[in-house]
Amino acid sequence: MDAALERLMHATLFEVFSERDPVARRDAIERTYTEDVVFADPDGEVQGREALHVKVGQLLEGANGFVFTADGPVRQAQALGYLAWTFGPAGAPVVRGADMGFVRDGKLSKVFTVLFD
């Protein structure tokens, strides 16, 4: 396992998508993603750090009391990282999914989120 890839996947879950402070979240986004990052989920696709920051803010704004939890270890295939997660009130997740991220130049350049039924 590439420690840098593992760190980036955990940063996505805990430092970006779990961060409710917009200043701290923006700093984490700059450390974690390329400027032209593409993020895609079932709701659509955004490109760029600022668009990602806005998307995460909107998600968290509508989910008071919800937390992300890793649902297993980071998996790796070359420059692709995979991390399953849950989201919901602590101890009672209502959503399960996984993030898959591609690394370029030491940062995530593409992140795809899949939701599980």
C-alpha atoms as a PDB file:
ATOM      1  CA  MET A   1       0.000   0.000   0.000  1.00  0.00           C
ATOM      2  CA  ASP A   2       1.274   3.410  -0.972  1.00  0.00           C
ATOM      3  CA  ALA A   3       1.161   5.524   2.212  1.00  0.00           C
ATOM      4  CA  ALA A   4       0.635   8.731   0.203  1.00  0.00           C
ATOM      5  CA  LEU A   5      -2.411   7.288  -1.565  1.00  0.00           C
ATOM      6  CA  GLU A   6      -3.828   6.041   1.721  1.00  0.00           C
ATOM      7  CA  ARG A   7      -3.346   9.518   3.227  1.00  0.00           C
ATOM      8  CA  LEU A   8      -5.114  11.172   0.268  1.00  0.00           C
ATOM      9  CA  MET A   9      -8.101   8.832   0.462  1.00  0.00           C
ATOM     10  CA  HIS A  10      -8.443   9.388   4.216  1.00  0.00           C
ATOM     11  CA  ALA A  11      -8.042  13.150   3.708  1.00  0.00           C
ATOM     12  CA  THR A  12     -10.941  13.072   1.239  1.00  0.00           C
ATOM     13  CA  LEU A  13     -13.211  11.431   3.784  1.00  0.00           C
ATOM     14  CA  PHE A  14     -12.106  13.071   7.032  1.00  0.00           C
ATOM     15  CA  GLU A  15     -10.438  16.393   6.175  1.00  0.00           C
ATOM     16  CA  VAL A  16     -12.642  17.447   3.266  1.00  0.00           C
ATOM     17  CA  PHE A  17     -16.055  15.774   3.358  1.00  0.00           C
ATOM     18  CA  SER A  18     -16.214  15.706   7.156  1.00  0.00           C
ATOM     19  CA  GLU A  19     -14.901  19.240   7.705  1.00  0.00           C
ATOM     20  CA  ARG A  20     -17.626  21.735   8.570  1.00  0.00           C
ATOM     21  CA  ASP A  21     -15.243  24.688   8.966  1.00  0.00           C
ATOM     22  CA  PRO A  22     -14.994  26.203   5.457  1.00  0.00           C
ATOM     23  CA  VAL A  23     -11.483  27.634   6.000  1.00  0.00           C
ATOM     24  CA  ALA A  24     -10.070  24.310   7.213  1.00  0.00           C
ATOM     25  CA  ARG A  25     -11.909  22.488   4.413  1.00  0.00           C
ATOM     26  CA  ARG A  26     -10.473  24.829   1.763  1.00  0.00           C
ATOM     27  CA  ASP A  27      -6.940  24.221   3.111  1.00  0.00           C
ATOM     28  CA  ALA A  28      -7.501  20.459   3.014  1.00  0.00           C
ATOM     29  CA  ILE A  29      -8.793  20.679  -0.560  1.00  0.00           C
ATOM     30  CA  GLU A  30      -5.630  22.484  -1.667  1.00  0.00           C
ATOM     31  CA  ARG A  31      -3.422  19.849  -0.003  1.00  0.00           C
ATOM     32  CA  THR A  32      -5.398  16.904  -1.368  1.00  0.00           C
ATOM     33  CA  TYR A  33      -6.528  17.693  -4.932  1.00  0.00           C
ATOM     34  CA  THR A  34      -5.070  19.020  -8.170  1.00  0.00           C
ATOM     35  CA  GLU A  35      -6.363  22.428  -9.310  1.00  0.00           C
ATOM     36  CA  ASP A  36      -8.407  20.797 -12.076  1.00  0.00           C
ATOM     37  CA  VAL A  37      -9.820  17.995  -9.907  1.00  0.00           C
ATOM     38  CA  VAL A  38     -12.936  16.292 -11.238  1.00  0.00           C
ATOM     39  CA  PHE A  39     -15.435  14.997  -8.691  1.00  0.00           C
ATOM     40  CA  ALA A  40     -18.359  12.873  -9.870  1.00  0.00           C
ATOM     41  CA  ASP A  41     -21.207  11.293  -7.938  1.00  0.00           C
ATOM     42  CA  PRO A  42     -24.781  10.236  -8.765  1.00  0.00           C
ATOM     43  CA  ASP A  43     -25.850  13.925  -8.639  1.00  0.00           C
ATOM     44  CA  GLY A  44     -23.408  15.002 -11.333  1.00  0.00           C
ATOM     45  CA  GLU A  45     -19.875  16.231 -11.866  1.00  0.00           C
ATOM     46  CA  VAL A  46     -17.939  19.304 -10.771  1.00  0.00           C
ATOM     47  CA  GLN A  47     -14.489  20.430 -11.805  1.00  0.00           C
ATOM     48  CA  GLY A  48     -11.958  22.465  -9.868  1.00  0.00           C
ATOM     49  CA  ARG A  49     -11.175  23.025  -6.218  1.00  0.00           C
ATOM     50  CA  GLU A  50     -13.680  25.845  -5.732  1.00  0.00           C
ATOM     51  CA  ALA A  51     -16.554  23.838  -7.229  1.00  0.00           C
ATOM     52  CA  LEU A  52     -15.655  20.905  -4.984  1.00  0.00           C
ATOM     53  CA  HIS A  53     -15.572  23.212  -1.950  1.00  0.00           C
ATOM     54  CA  VAL A  54     -19.069  24.482  -2.760  1.00  0.00           C
ATOM     55  CA  LYS A  55     -20.414  20.951  -3.324  1.00  0.00           C
ATOM     56  CA  VAL A  56     -19.079  19.670   0.000  1.00  0.00           C
ATOM     57  CA  GLY A  57     -20.443  22.720   1.828  1.00  0.00           C
ATOM     58  CA  GLN A  58     -23.908  22.108   0.399  1.00  0.00           C
ATOM     59  CA  LEU A  59     -23.785  18.428   1.362  1.00  0.00           C
ATOM     60  CA  LEU A  60     -22.770  19.148   4.949  1.00  0.00           C
ATOM     61  CA  GLU A  61     -25.235  22.015   5.311  1.00  0.00           C
ATOM     62  CA  GLY A  62     -28.107  19.603   4.762  1.00  0.00           C
ATOM     63  CA  ALA A  63     -26.752  16.881   7.027  1.00  0.00           C
ATOM     64  CA  ASN A  64     -26.496  18.248  10.556  1.00  0.00           C
ATOM     65  CA  GLY A  65     -25.397  15.582  13.005  1.00  0.00           C
ATOM     66  CA  PHE A  66     -24.246  13.216  10.248  1.00  0.00           C
ATOM     67  CA  VAL A  67     -20.693  11.869  10.225  1.00  0.00           C
ATOM     68  CA  PHE A  68     -18.586   9.932   7.725  1.00  0.00           C
ATOM     69  CA  THR A  69     -16.962   6.708   8.888  1.00  0.00           C
ATOM     70  CA  ALA A  70     -14.511   4.537   6.967  1.00  0.00           C
ATOM     71  CA  ASP A  71     -16.043   1.142   6.200  1.00  0.00           C
ATOM     72  CA  GLY A  72     -12.854  -0.818   5.688  1.00  0.00           C
ATOM     73  CA  PRO A  73      -9.274  -0.119   4.687  1.00  0.00           C
ATOM     74  CA  VAL A  74      -8.040   1.819   1.685  1.00  0.00           C
ATOM     75  CA  ARG A  75      -7.468  -0.489  -1.282  1.00  0.00           C
ATOM     76  CA  GLN A  76      -5.083   0.259  -4.120  1.00  0.00           C
ATOM     77  CA  ALA A  77      -4.590  -0.683  -7.762  1.00  0.00           C
ATOM     78  CA  GLN A  78      -1.695   1.289  -9.273  1.00  0.00           C
ATOM     79  CA  ALA A  79      -2.634   5.008  -9.002  1.00  0.00           C
ATOM     80  CA  LEU A  80      -6.262   4.214  -8.029  1.00  0.00           C
ATOM     81  CA  GLY A  81      -7.405   4.317  -4.422  1.00  0.00           C
ATOM     82  CA  TYR A  82     -10.680   2.894  -3.090  1.00  0.00           C
ATOM     83  CA  LEU A  83     -12.273   3.613   0.284  1.00  0.00           C
ATOM     84  CA  ALA A  84     -15.732   2.465   1.378  1.00  0.00           C
ATOM     85  CA  TRP A  85     -17.602   4.628   3.878  1.00  0.00           C
ATOM     86  CA  THR A  86     -20.854   5.172   5.722  1.00  0.00           C
ATOM     87  CA  PHE A  87     -22.684   8.448   6.404  1.00  0.00           C
ATOM     88  CA  GLY A  88     -25.359   9.240   8.954  1.00  0.00           C
ATOM     89  CA  PRO A  89     -25.843   9.819  12.656  1.00  0.00           C
ATOM     90  CA  ALA A  90     -22.996   8.298  14.708  1.00  0.00           C
ATOM     91  CA  GLY A  91     -23.573   4.562  14.961  1.00  0.00           C
ATOM     92  CA  ALA A  92     -26.619   4.616  12.672  1.00  0.00           C
ATOM     93  CA  PRO A  93     -25.511   5.168   9.063  1.00  0.00           C
ATOM     94  CA  VAL A  94     -28.191   5.867   6.488  1.00  0.00           C
ATOM     95  CA  VAL A  95     -25.958   5.908   3.397  1.00  0.00           C
ATOM     96  CA  ARG A  96     -23.178   3.570   2.297  1.00  0.00           C
ATOM     97  CA  GLY A  97     -20.817   4.235  -0.540  1.00  0.00           C
ATOM     98  CA  ALA A  98     -17.250   4.291  -1.745  1.00  0.00           C
ATOM     99  CA  ASP A  99     -14.820   6.785  -3.196  1.00  0.00           C
ATOM    100  CA  MET A 100     -12.388   5.901  -5.947  1.00  0.00           C
ATOM    101  CA  GLY A 101      -9.619   8.395  -6.592  1.00  0.00           C
ATOM    102  CA  PHE A 102      -6.888   8.686  -9.211  1.00  0.00           C
ATOM    103  CA  VAL A 103      -3.549  10.250  -8.260  1.00  0.00           C
ATOM    104  CA  ARG A 104      -1.592  12.581 -10.520  1.00  0.00           C
ATOM    105  CA  ASP A 105       1.490  14.480  -9.383  1.00  0.00           C
ATOM    106  CA  GLY A 106       0.987  13.466  -5.768  1.00  0.00           C
ATOM    107  CA  LYS A 107      -2.615  14.662  -5.470  1.00  0.00           C
ATOM    108  CA  LEU A 108      -6.037  13.326  -6.357  1.00  0.00           C
ATOM    109  CA  SER A 109      -7.066  14.436  -9.846  1.00  0.00           C
ATOM    110  CA  LYS A 110     -10.330  12.506 -10.199  1.00  0.00           C
ATOM    111  CA  VAL A 111     -12.680  11.206  -7.526  1.00  0.00           C
ATOM    112  CA  PHE A 112     -15.754   9.122  -8.232  1.00  0.00           C
ATOM    113  CA  THR A 113     -18.333   8.359  -5.556  1.00  0.00           C
ATOM    114  CA  VAL A 114     -20.611   5.332  -5.831  1.00  0.00           C
ATOM    115  CA  LEU A 115     -23.579   4.864  -3.510  1.00  0.00           C
ATOM    116  CA  PHE A 116     -24.651   1.377  -2.420  1.00  0.00           C
ATOM    117  CA  ASP A 117     -28.266   0.288  -2.013  1.00  0.00           C
END
